Amino acid sequence: MKAFVFPGQGAQFVGMGKDLYDAYPVAKDMFETANDILQFRITDLMFNGEPDDLKQTQVTQPAVFLHSIVMNQVMTIAHPDMVAGHSLGEYSALVACGALRFEDALILVSKRAAAMQKACELQESTMAAVLGMPDERVDEICQQVAGDVVVAANFNCPGQVVISGTVSGVERACELLRENGAKRAIRLQVGGAFHSPLMQPAAEELKEAILATEFHEPMCPIYQNVNAYPQRNPEEIRQNLLLQLTAPVRWTQTIKNMICDGATEFYEYGPGDVLKGLIRKIDTEVQVG
């Protein structure tokens, strides 16, 4: 069974999508539609901008989403049996399985990016990568940090967890994690504490837009970040998406569940190949393309 997966923020690079724009008329049409919807030429920033341009959340998220969906549109010859996306990539997955229209998803992604940027500006916050420690232990140690917000935010693969919270909370958690045997605990260069309670203002702002958007029954199950379970009910999909900004990304469990349900081939659509590497670390037997 074929599984399609889609990356999130962090996979961007200057020049992304230019080859697709030049080679495929349908890709050019989709990129130009995005320029019209966003009311600025995101293609100029994607194709010829500076790296710092693409690091701005309000540009990064629609850029990664757009590249992923265009790539999926022009390079796919078969329908998936199941889909999943990492954080922002969940919106790409929702389009790929037919639960959201491309245009509606792009509008939501743009609003999501703006809301997250505002939330980041409300309080200085950050994230850190923790290597070489079991998921449960990372979670336990984060809970030991009193008086600060710090949580396990991304369960990426066995031995790789990202934590998220206030700067002081993350720094204290990193100290404790290293003291308790983590191989590494490294601050990431990110704009804020994604997938933590500090994103609640963004979640509230995005809620109205998600509730106003039409969701359809997908053609195949989508495994969502908040619980790693397959969903086909449009209202369940909507509710899980509402929770996504403040809940952890359970990527390890997602991939394990997809494999348990019959996935034997994984195909990543989007800039970079980060998810391919994570999937290989989760299960060495599956085919990754």
Protein backbone atom coordinates (compact mmCIF):
# COMPACT_ATOMS: atom_id res chain seq x y z
CA MET A 1 0.00 0.00 0.00
CA LYS A 2 1.19 3.50 -0.89
CA ALA A 3 1.44 6.29 1.69
CA PHE A 4 2.03 9.92 0.75
CA VAL A 5 3.71 12.17 3.33
CA PHE A 6 4.28 15.94 3.35
CA PRO A 7 6.92 18.00 5.20
CA GLY A 8 6.46 21.04 7.40
CA GLN A 9 8.24 24.29 8.06
CA GLY A 10 12.03 24.04 7.86
CA ALA A 11 12.24 22.20 4.54
CA GLN A 12 12.31 25.39 2.44
CA PHE A 13 15.16 26.51 0.18
CA VAL A 14 15.66 29.28 -2.38
CA GLY A 15 14.74 28.05 -5.87
CA MET A 16 12.13 25.59 -4.64
CA GLY A 17 9.47 24.93 -7.25
CA LYS A 18 11.14 26.81 -10.12
CA ASP A 19 11.75 23.59 -12.05
CA LEU A 20 8.08 22.64 -11.72
CA TYR A 21 6.90 26.12 -12.73
CA ASP A 22 9.02 26.03 -15.88
CA ALA A 23 8.25 22.44 -16.89
CA TYR A 24 4.51 22.00 -16.28
CA PRO A 25 1.70 24.34 -17.40
CA VAL A 26 -0.57 23.05 -14.62
CA ALA A 27 2.14 23.88 -12.09
CA LYS A 28 2.51 27.40 -13.48
CA ASP A 29 -1.27 27.87 -13.21
CA MET A 30 -1.26 26.72 -9.57
CA PHE A 31 1.64 28.99 -8.65
CA GLU A 32 -0.05 31.98 -10.30
CA THR A 33 -3.34 31.16 -8.56
CA ALA A 34 -1.43 31.22 -5.27
CA ASN A 35 0.07 34.62 -6.12
CA ASP A 36 -3.45 35.94 -6.68
CA ILE A 37 -4.89 34.42 -3.49
CA LEU A 38 -2.01 35.60 -1.30
CA GLN A 39 -1.97 39.05 -2.97
CA PHE A 40 1.80 39.05 -3.30
CA ARG A 41 4.15 37.18 -5.61
CA ILE A 42 5.30 34.37 -3.37
CA THR A 43 6.91 32.80 -6.44
CA ASP A 44 9.45 35.65 -6.57
CA LEU A 45 10.53 34.87 -3.00
CA MET A 46 10.53 31.12 -3.58
CA PHE A 47 12.47 31.21 -6.84
CA ASN A 48 14.81 34.20 -6.42
CA GLY A 49 14.49 35.54 -2.87
CA GLU A 50 17.07 35.66 -0.11
CA PRO A 51 17.25 32.81 2.42
CA ASP A 52 16.07 35.18 5.15
CA ASP A 53 12.93 35.94 3.12
CA LEU A 54 11.94 32.29 3.20
CA LYS A 55 12.59 32.02 6.95
CA GLN A 56 9.73 34.41 7.73
CA THR A 57 6.84 32.28 9.00
CA GLN A 58 4.31 34.19 6.87
CA VAL A 59 6.29 33.24 3.75
CA THR A 60 7.69 29.86 4.77
CA GLN A 61 4.40 28.12 5.47
CA PRO A 62 2.54 28.97 2.25
CA ALA A 63 5.75 28.37 0.27
CA VAL A 64 6.29 24.85 1.62
CA PHE A 65 2.59 24.04 1.28
CA LEU A 66 2.50 25.31 -2.30
CA HIS A 67 5.61 23.42 -3.38
CA SER A 68 4.30 20.21 -1.82
CA ILE A 69 0.89 20.37 -3.49
CA VAL A 70 2.23 21.35 -6.91
CA MET A 71 4.81 18.55 -6.75
CA ASN A 72 2.13 16.09 -5.73
CA GLN A 73 -0.12 17.26 -8.57
CA VAL A 74 2.40 16.93 -11.39
CA MET A 75 4.53 13.99 -10.25
CA THR A 76 1.94 11.51 -8.96
CA ILE A 77 0.75 8.66 -11.19
CA ALA A 78 -1.33 6.79 -8.62
CA HIS A 79 -3.69 7.63 -5.78
CA PRO A 80 -2.46 7.10 -2.22
CA ASP A 81 -3.93 4.50 0.09
CA MET A 82 -3.24 6.77 3.08
CA VAL A 83 -1.67 10.19 3.76
CA ALA A 84 -0.05 12.16 6.57
CA GLY A 85 1.76 15.46 6.99
CA HIS A 86 4.22 16.72 9.59
CA SER A 87 2.80 19.84 11.30
CA LEU A 88 2.16 22.31 8.44
CA GLY A 89 2.37 19.31 6.09
CA GLU A 90 -0.98 18.11 7.41
CA TYR A 91 -2.64 20.82 5.29
CA SER A 92 -0.89 19.45 2.19
CA ALA A 93 -2.05 15.96 3.12
CA LEU A 94 -5.63 17.20 3.48
CA VAL A 95 -5.54 18.49 -0.09
CA ALA A 96 -3.87 15.34 -1.42
CA CYS A 97 -6.65 13.14 -0.01
CA GLY A 98 -9.46 15.47 -1.12
CA ALA A 99 -10.56 16.68 2.32
CA LEU A 100 -9.73 20.31 1.44
CA ARG A 101 -9.69 22.27 -1.81
CA PHE A 102 -6.28 23.64 -2.77
CA GLU A 103 -7.52 27.24 -2.64
CA ASP A 104 -9.21 26.83 0.76
CA ALA A 105 -6.15 25.14 2.25
CA LEU A 106 -3.84 27.89 0.98
CA ILE A 107 -6.02 30.53 2.65
CA LEU A 108 -5.96 28.57 5.91
CA VAL A 109 -2.19 28.13 5.71
CA SER A 110 -1.72 31.85 5.16
CA LYS A 111 -3.93 32.67 8.14
CA ARG A 112 -2.17 30.02 10.23
CA ALA A 113 1.22 31.54 9.45
CA ALA A 114 0.06 35.06 10.34
CA ALA A 115 -1.55 33.89 13.57
CA MET A 116 1.55 31.95 14.61
CA GLN A 117 3.77 34.93 13.87
CA LYS A 118 1.61 37.10 16.15
CA ALA A 119 1.73 34.48 18.90
CA CYS A 120 5.53 34.32 18.64
CA GLU A 121 5.71 38.08 19.16
CA LEU A 122 3.62 37.95 22.35
CA GLN A 123 6.32 36.11 24.31
CA GLU A 124 9.90 35.17 23.57
CA SER A 125 9.97 31.42 23.12
CA THR A 126 11.94 28.71 21.40
CA MET A 127 12.42 24.99 20.68
CA ALA A 128 15.24 22.48 21.12
CA ALA A 129 16.12 19.11 19.64
CA VAL A 130 16.76 16.29 22.09
CA LEU A 131 18.74 13.28 20.85
CA GLY A 132 19.35 9.87 22.36
CA MET A 133 16.60 9.66 24.96
CA PRO A 134 13.30 7.70 24.99
CA ASP A 135 10.17 9.72 24.20
CA GLU A 136 8.57 9.04 27.57
CA ARG A 137 11.64 10.17 29.48
CA VAL A 138 11.82 13.45 27.58
CA ASP A 139 8.17 14.05 28.41
CA GLU A 140 8.74 13.26 32.10
CA ILE A 141 11.68 15.64 32.41
CA CYS A 142 9.82 18.49 30.71
CA GLN A 143 7.10 18.09 33.33
CA GLN A 144 9.71 18.53 36.07
CA VAL A 145 10.43 22.12 35.00
CA ALA A 146 8.36 24.20 37.41
CA GLY A 147 7.16 27.74 36.78
CA ASP A 148 7.81 27.69 33.03
CA VAL A 149 6.13 26.37 29.91
CA VAL A 150 8.05 23.54 28.26
CA VAL A 151 6.59 20.48 26.55
CA ALA A 152 7.56 17.68 24.18
CA ALA A 153 6.34 19.05 20.84
CA ASN A 154 7.55 16.77 18.04
CA PHE A 155 8.09 13.01 18.39
CA ASN A 156 10.02 12.71 15.13
CA CYS A 157 11.61 9.26 15.34
CA PRO A 158 13.03 7.02 18.06
CA GLY A 159 15.69 9.03 19.88
CA GLN A 160 14.72 12.38 18.35
CA VAL A 161 12.24 14.62 20.16
CA VAL A 162 11.79 18.39 19.86
CA ILE A 163 10.75 20.32 22.97
CA SER A 164 9.01 23.70 22.93
CA GLY A 165 8.31 26.51 25.39
CA THR A 166 9.59 29.70 26.99
CA VAL A 167 13.29 30.41 26.53
CA SER A 168 14.03 29.87 30.22
CA GLY A 169 11.90 26.72 30.32
CA VAL A 170 13.61 25.17 27.32
CA GLU A 171 17.07 26.08 28.62
CA ARG A 172 16.33 24.53 32.02
CA ALA A 173 14.85 21.43 30.40
CA CYS A 174 17.96 21.06 28.21
CA GLU A 175 20.15 21.14 31.33
CA LEU A 176 18.04 18.46 33.01
CA LEU A 177 17.92 16.32 29.88
CA ARG A 178 21.70 16.36 29.51
CA GLU A 179 22.13 15.59 33.22
CA ASN A 180 19.80 12.61 32.80
CA GLY A 181 21.58 11.05 29.85
CA ALA A 182 20.45 12.79 26.65
CA LYS A 183 23.24 12.65 24.06
CA ARG A 184 22.42 16.17 22.92
CA ALA A 185 19.92 18.92 23.69
CA ILE A 186 20.32 21.78 21.24
CA ARG A 187 18.43 25.07 20.85
CA LEU A 188 16.90 25.46 17.39
CA GLN A 189 16.85 28.65 15.35
CA VAL A 190 13.08 29.05 15.23
CA GLY A 191 10.74 31.97 15.74
CA GLY A 192 8.72 30.54 18.60
CA ALA A 193 7.34 27.66 20.63
CA PHE A 194 5.34 25.76 18.02
CA HIS A 195 3.05 22.93 19.18
CA SER A 196 2.96 24.19 22.75
CA PRO A 197 0.42 26.01 24.96
CA LEU A 198 2.09 29.28 23.90
CA MET A 199 0.40 28.84 20.51
CA GLN A 200 -3.07 29.09 22.09
CA PRO A 201 -3.59 32.69 20.85
CA ALA A 202 -2.85 31.48 17.31
CA ALA A 203 -5.21 28.54 17.74
CA GLU A 204 -8.01 30.86 18.84
CA GLU A 205 -7.40 33.17 15.90
CA LEU A 206 -7.35 30.30 13.41
CA LYS A 207 -10.40 28.59 14.89
CA GLU A 208 -12.96 30.83 13.17
CA ALA A 209 -11.36 30.28 9.76
CA ILE A 210 -11.24 26.49 10.18
CA LEU A 211 -14.87 26.36 11.33
CA ALA A 212 -15.91 28.42 8.32
CA THR A 213 -14.08 26.19 5.82
CA GLU A 214 -15.79 23.28 4.09
CA PHE A 215 -14.22 19.88 4.71
CA HIS A 216 -15.01 16.87 2.52
CA GLU A 217 -14.79 13.14 3.08
CA PRO A 218 -11.28 12.13 1.98
CA MET A 219 -10.68 9.46 -0.64
CA CYS A 220 -8.35 7.67 1.77
CA PRO A 221 -7.56 7.89 5.50
CA ILE A 222 -5.47 10.79 6.79
CA TYR A 223 -3.37 10.07 9.87
CA GLN A 224 -3.46 13.27 11.92
CA ASN A 225 -0.76 14.73 14.13
CA VAL A 226 -2.71 15.03 17.36
CA ASN A 227 -3.44 11.32 17.85
CA ALA A 228 -1.69 9.47 14.97
CA TYR A 229 -4.92 7.68 14.09
CA PRO A 230 -6.58 7.39 10.64
CA GLN A 231 -9.55 9.67 10.03
CA ARG A 232 -12.17 9.83 7.28
CA ASN A 233 -14.92 11.77 9.04
CA PRO A 234 -14.80 15.45 7.95
CA GLU A 235 -15.89 16.76 11.35
CA GLU A 236 -13.33 14.65 13.20
CA ILE A 237 -10.67 15.90 10.79
CA ARG A 238 -11.73 19.50 11.46
CA GLN A 239 -11.66 19.05 15.25
CA ASN A 240 -8.21 17.46 15.16
CA LEU A 241 -6.93 20.33 13.03
CA LEU A 242 -8.25 22.81 15.61
CA LEU A 243 -6.09 21.10 18.25
CA GLN A 244 -2.99 20.80 16.10
CA LEU A 245 -1.24 24.08 16.92
CA THR A 246 -1.02 23.42 20.65
CA ALA A 247 -0.67 19.62 20.59
CA PRO A 248 2.47 17.58 19.87
CA VAL A 249 3.21 16.11 16.46
CA ARG A 250 3.16 12.34 17.01
CA TRP A 251 5.12 11.46 13.90
CA THR A 252 6.79 8.30 15.16
CA GLN A 253 3.46 6.79 16.18
CA THR A 254 1.83 8.01 12.95
CA ILE A 255 4.33 6.14 10.77
CA LYS A 256 4.13 3.04 12.97
CA ASN A 257 0.33 3.07 12.70
CA MET A 258 0.45 3.50 8.92
CA ILE A 259 2.82 0.53 8.63
CA CYS A 260 0.64 -1.51 10.96
CA ASP A 261 -2.33 -0.72 8.70
CA GLY A 262 -0.52 -1.97 5.60
CA ALA A 263 1.73 0.82 4.27
CA THR A 264 4.75 -0.63 2.49
CA GLU A 265 5.79 2.32 0.28
CA PHE A 266 6.22 5.93 1.44
CA TYR A 267 6.52 8.87 -0.96
CA GLU A 268 7.48 12.34 0.25
CA TYR A 269 6.16 15.36 -1.67
CA GLY A 270 7.70 18.73 -0.91
CA PRO A 271 11.07 20.45 -0.57
CA GLY A 272 13.86 18.33 0.86
CA ASP A 273 13.72 14.76 2.09
CA VAL A 274 13.66 15.09 5.89
CA LEU A 275 10.68 12.80 6.29
CA LYS A 276 12.33 10.05 4.27
CA GLY A 277 15.18 10.01 6.76
CA LEU A 278 12.82 9.93 9.74
CA ILE A 279 10.78 7.09 8.27
CA ARG A 280 13.92 5.01 7.66
CA LYS A 281 14.84 5.46 11.34
CA ILE A 282 11.34 4.44 12.43
CA ASP A 283 11.28 1.28 10.26
CA THR A 284 14.17 0.00 8.18
CA GLU A 285 12.07 -2.44 6.19
CA VAL A 286 9.63 -0.15 4.37
CA GLN A 287 10.32 1.31 0.94
CA VAL A 288 10.90 5.07 0.92
CA GLY A 289 10.82 6.98 -2.37
